[in-house]
Each structure stands twice: as C-alpha cells, then as structure tokens.
Amino acid sequence: MAEAAAVEMELISLAIRRLMEENRHRTNSHRSSDADADADADDMQLLSRLLSEVESTRGEQRLNHSKQEDGEIIETNLEAERENNVERSEMKLKTEEIVKELKEVKKQNFITHCLVSAMIILTVAWQISEVSFILKLRDGLLSNPFKSLATILKRKTTSAIQHQIEATELPHLNIPALPHVTLPDFDDS
C-alpha cells in the first residue's frame, strides 16, 4: 500500500514538472500581453508550490515508511527476545525436570544396589551352610540318624546348662584369712 502511494506521488510530481516545462515553452514562444504573462507567472508559482508540496509529502512518506520499518524491526527484535526468553524458561524447566528425574533414578539405583548386595550375602551364607551340611553328611554324621540326633540334643542341653550355671553362680564371698597357727611336733618315739 505504501508502494502504491509512492508511485502515485511520483506520477503527480512528473505531471507537474511536464506542465511547468510546457508553460515555459509557451511563454518563450508566445510573448503576448502582460495579463497572459501575469497569469502564466501565477500558474508557474502554483505549479512550483504543488511540486514542493508533493516533494514534502513524498519525504514524509519516506520518513513514515522508514519509521514503520524501524518499528517493524524493533517489534521483530522484541518478538525474538520474547521467544528467546520463553525458550530459556522452557529449557530451565526441562533442565529442572531432568535433574529431578536423575535424583530419583540415583536414589532408586542406591536402593537396588543395597538389595542386590543383601541378596548376594544371603545367598553366600546359604551356600556355605549347604556345603557344611553336605560335608557333615559325607563324614558320616547322618549314617546313624539316632546317634546324630542324640549328639545334637546333648550339645544343646550342655550349652543351655552351662549358660544357666554361669547365670546362677554365687557372687564371690570374701572370707577372712585364717591366722597361721603352728602346731607342736609330736614325736612318735
């Protein structure tokens, strides 16, 4: 739209210049009365005013057009900055979410490692007990099951009795020392 107005202004300016040139040619070729000369001078002044107004209007349009372009550039810069700010805030939010998720995963990994370690320890203990049981079987522990049962019960009861004895022991009594008395020697002879 601004381009069409600029083209129209250019056409008007060109038309006014042509009229001024034609008017000059007429006045140079037809030197007539003073009234015609005064009218021609008035026409020339009118045309020159019109031309100066067209030029000033064209300058204002250029100025407005450049201001609009500057405004558009500023607006596009502002829009780009807003978009960048929005993108930065979105990136911050995404980064915060990623950090949260990483912390959760790290916590889950720690718990998983602890559970796996406990399972390994329990499995090793169970395997050791199985191996010791197999070795006892091989050494003949269960060749006579009644004898094996009796030894197990005997161990349990003796250890329980020993614990009871230790628990019920009397406290040490302080008995005063007996004086040392010497007895006379008796002769058998």
Protein backbone atom coordinates (compact mmCIF):
# COMPACT_ATOMS: atom_id res chain seq x y z
CA MET A 1 0.00 0.00 0.00
CA ALA A 2 2.86 2.35 0.80
CA GLU A 3 4.48 1.42 -2.52
CA ALA A 4 1.31 2.34 -4.44
CA ALA A 5 1.18 5.74 -2.70
CA ALA A 6 4.85 6.34 -3.57
CA VAL A 7 4.18 5.50 -7.23
CA GLU A 8 1.19 7.87 -7.30
CA MET A 9 3.28 10.65 -5.76
CA GLU A 10 5.98 10.09 -8.38
CA LEU A 11 3.41 10.30 -11.19
CA ILE A 12 1.96 13.54 -9.78
CA SER A 13 5.43 15.03 -9.47
CA LEU A 14 6.23 14.07 -13.06
CA ALA A 15 2.95 15.57 -14.33
CA ILE A 16 3.61 18.86 -12.54
CA ARG A 17 7.14 19.11 -14.00
CA ARG A 18 5.82 18.50 -17.51
CA LEU A 19 3.21 21.21 -17.05
CA MET A 20 5.90 23.62 -15.88
CA GLU A 21 8.08 22.83 -18.92
CA GLU A 22 5.18 23.24 -21.33
CA ASN A 23 4.30 26.51 -19.67
CA ARG A 24 7.87 27.78 -20.11
CA HIS A 25 7.91 26.77 -23.76
CA ARG A 26 4.63 28.57 -24.31
CA THR A 27 5.79 31.71 -22.61
CA ASN A 28 9.04 31.74 -24.56
CA SER A 29 7.38 31.17 -27.94
CA HIS A 30 4.27 33.33 -27.37
CA ARG A 31 5.20 36.61 -25.77
CA SER A 32 1.81 38.13 -25.56
CA SER A 33 0.15 40.59 -23.28
CA ASP A 34 1.07 41.43 -19.73
CA ALA A 35 -2.13 39.82 -18.44
CA ASP A 36 -1.18 36.49 -20.01
CA ALA A 37 2.32 36.85 -18.62
CA ASP A 38 0.94 37.53 -15.14
CA ALA A 39 -1.39 34.52 -15.43
CA ASP A 40 1.46 32.38 -16.62
CA ALA A 41 3.60 33.57 -13.70
CA ASP A 42 0.79 32.77 -11.29
CA ASP A 43 0.41 29.33 -12.86
CA MET A 44 4.14 28.75 -12.52
CA GLN A 45 4.06 29.75 -8.85
CA LEU A 46 1.08 27.49 -8.26
CA LEU A 47 2.80 24.60 -10.02
CA SER A 48 6.04 25.15 -8.10
CA ARG A 49 4.08 25.17 -4.80
CA LEU A 50 2.31 21.99 -5.82
CA LEU A 51 5.66 20.43 -6.71
CA SER A 52 7.20 21.44 -3.36
CA GLU A 53 4.17 20.05 -1.50
CA VAL A 54 4.41 16.80 -3.46
CA GLU A 55 8.13 16.61 -2.60
CA SER A 56 7.49 17.28 1.08
CA THR A 57 4.68 14.70 1.14
CA ARG A 58 6.99 12.20 -0.55
CA GLY A 59 9.67 12.93 2.08
CA GLU A 60 7.14 12.46 4.86
CA GLN A 61 6.04 9.16 3.34
CA ARG A 62 9.64 8.01 3.15
CA LEU A 63 10.17 9.06 6.74
CA ASN A 64 6.96 7.30 7.85
CA HIS A 65 7.92 4.26 5.82
CA SER A 66 11.37 4.16 7.43
CA LYS A 67 9.77 4.65 10.87
CA GLN A 68 7.39 1.80 10.12
CA GLU A 69 10.29 -0.36 9.03
CA ASP A 70 12.20 0.61 12.18
CA GLY A 71 9.09 -0.14 14.23
CA GLU A 72 8.71 -3.48 12.49
CA ILE A 73 12.37 -4.26 13.10
CA ILE A 74 12.02 -3.29 16.75
CA GLU A 75 8.84 -5.37 17.01
CA THR A 76 10.53 -8.36 15.40
CA ASN A 77 13.51 -7.91 17.73
CA LEU A 78 11.17 -7.74 20.72
CA GLU A 79 9.30 -10.80 19.50
CA ALA A 80 12.59 -12.65 19.02
CA GLU A 81 13.69 -11.66 22.53
CA ARG A 82 10.34 -12.81 23.95
CA GLU A 83 10.67 -16.09 22.09
CA ASN A 84 14.23 -16.48 23.38
CA ASN A 85 13.07 -15.74 26.94
CA VAL A 86 10.26 -18.26 26.58
CA GLU A 87 12.68 -20.83 25.17
CA ARG A 88 15.13 -20.15 28.01
CA SER A 89 12.42 -20.56 30.64
CA GLU A 90 11.24 -23.75 28.96
CA MET A 91 14.83 -25.01 28.90
CA LYS A 92 15.20 -24.17 32.61
CA LEU A 93 12.00 -26.08 33.39
CA LYS A 94 13.14 -29.03 31.31
CA THR A 95 16.55 -28.96 32.99
CA GLU A 96 14.95 -28.89 36.44
CA GLU A 97 12.71 -31.82 35.49
CA ILE A 98 15.70 -33.77 34.20
CA VAL A 99 17.65 -33.06 37.39
CA LYS A 100 14.67 -34.26 39.49
CA GLU A 101 14.38 -37.44 37.45
CA LEU A 102 18.13 -38.07 37.71
CA LYS A 103 17.97 -37.70 41.50
CA GLU A 104 15.06 -40.14 41.65
CA VAL A 105 16.91 -42.63 39.43
CA LYS A 106 20.04 -42.26 41.57
CA LYS A 107 18.02 -42.96 44.72
CA GLN A 108 16.39 -45.99 43.10
CA ASN A 109 19.78 -47.28 41.96
CA PHE A 110 21.17 -46.95 45.50
CA ILE A 111 18.23 -48.91 46.94
CA THR A 112 18.58 -51.55 44.21
CA HIS A 113 22.32 -51.91 44.87
CA CYS A 114 21.68 -52.35 48.60
CA LEU A 115 19.04 -55.02 47.97
CA VAL A 116 21.25 -56.85 45.48
CA SER A 117 24.16 -56.77 47.96
CA ALA A 118 21.94 -58.19 50.71
CA MET A 119 20.74 -60.93 48.36
CA ILE A 120 24.33 -61.81 47.45
CA ILE A 121 25.33 -62.00 51.13
CA LEU A 122 22.30 -64.17 51.98
CA THR A 123 22.99 -66.43 49.01
CA VAL A 124 26.64 -66.86 50.03
CA ALA A 125 25.63 -67.68 53.65
CA TRP A 126 23.05 -70.18 52.44
CA GLN A 127 25.58 -71.82 50.11
CA ILE A 128 28.12 -72.09 52.94
CA SER A 129 25.55 -73.73 55.20
CA GLU A 130 24.63 -76.14 52.42
CA VAL A 131 28.28 -77.03 51.85
CA SER A 132 28.88 -77.58 55.57
CA PHE A 133 25.77 -79.80 55.75
CA ILE A 134 26.97 -81.82 52.75
CA LEU A 135 30.42 -82.21 54.34
CA LYS A 136 28.82 -83.44 57.58
CA LEU A 137 26.80 -85.94 55.59
CA ARG A 138 29.91 -87.12 53.83
CA ASP A 139 31.79 -87.51 57.13
CA GLY A 140 29.07 -89.85 58.32
CA LEU A 141 27.06 -87.58 60.55
CA LEU A 142 23.82 -89.00 59.34
CA SER A 143 24.97 -92.58 58.88
CA ASN A 144 23.26 -93.26 62.18
CA PRO A 145 20.47 -90.70 62.45
CA PHE A 146 19.61 -91.52 66.08
CA LYS A 147 23.17 -91.02 67.15
CA SER A 148 23.34 -87.73 65.25
CA LEU A 149 20.15 -86.55 66.89
CA ALA A 150 21.45 -87.53 70.30
CA THR A 151 24.71 -85.59 69.81
CA ILE A 152 22.82 -82.52 68.65
CA LEU A 153 20.50 -82.68 71.68
CA LYS A 154 23.43 -83.31 74.00
CA ARG A 155 25.26 -80.25 72.67
CA LYS A 156 22.18 -78.07 73.02
CA THR A 157 21.42 -79.19 76.57
CA THR A 158 25.02 -78.90 77.77
CA SER A 159 25.31 -75.42 76.35
CA ALA A 160 21.97 -74.45 77.92
CA ILE A 161 23.01 -75.91 81.30
CA GLN A 162 26.33 -74.11 81.15
CA HIS A 163 24.55 -70.84 80.46
CA GLN A 164 22.24 -71.45 83.43
CA ILE A 165 25.17 -72.28 85.72
CA GLU A 166 27.03 -69.18 84.65
CA ALA A 167 23.91 -67.08 85.21
CA THR A 168 23.22 -68.54 88.69
CA GLU A 169 26.75 -68.52 90.07
CA LEU A 170 27.01 -67.07 93.53
CA PRO A 171 28.93 -63.93 93.95
CA HIS A 172 32.39 -64.33 95.41
CA LEU A 173 32.40 -64.19 99.17
CA ASN A 174 35.23 -62.54 100.96
CA ILE A 175 36.28 -64.96 103.66
CA PRO A 176 38.80 -63.60 106.05
CA ALA A 177 42.12 -65.35 106.06
CA LEU A 178 42.74 -67.80 108.91
CA PRO A 179 45.62 -66.93 111.15
CA HIS A 180 48.66 -69.11 110.70
CA VAL A 181 48.97 -71.36 113.68
CA THR A 182 51.93 -73.65 114.22
CA LEU A 183 51.31 -76.91 115.96
CA PRO A 184 53.87 -78.56 118.15
CA ASP A 185 55.71 -81.52 116.77
CA PHE A 186 54.86 -84.84 118.28
CA ASP A 187 57.47 -87.44 118.41
CA ASP A 188 56.49 -91.00 117.87
CA SER A 189 59.41 -92.37 119.57
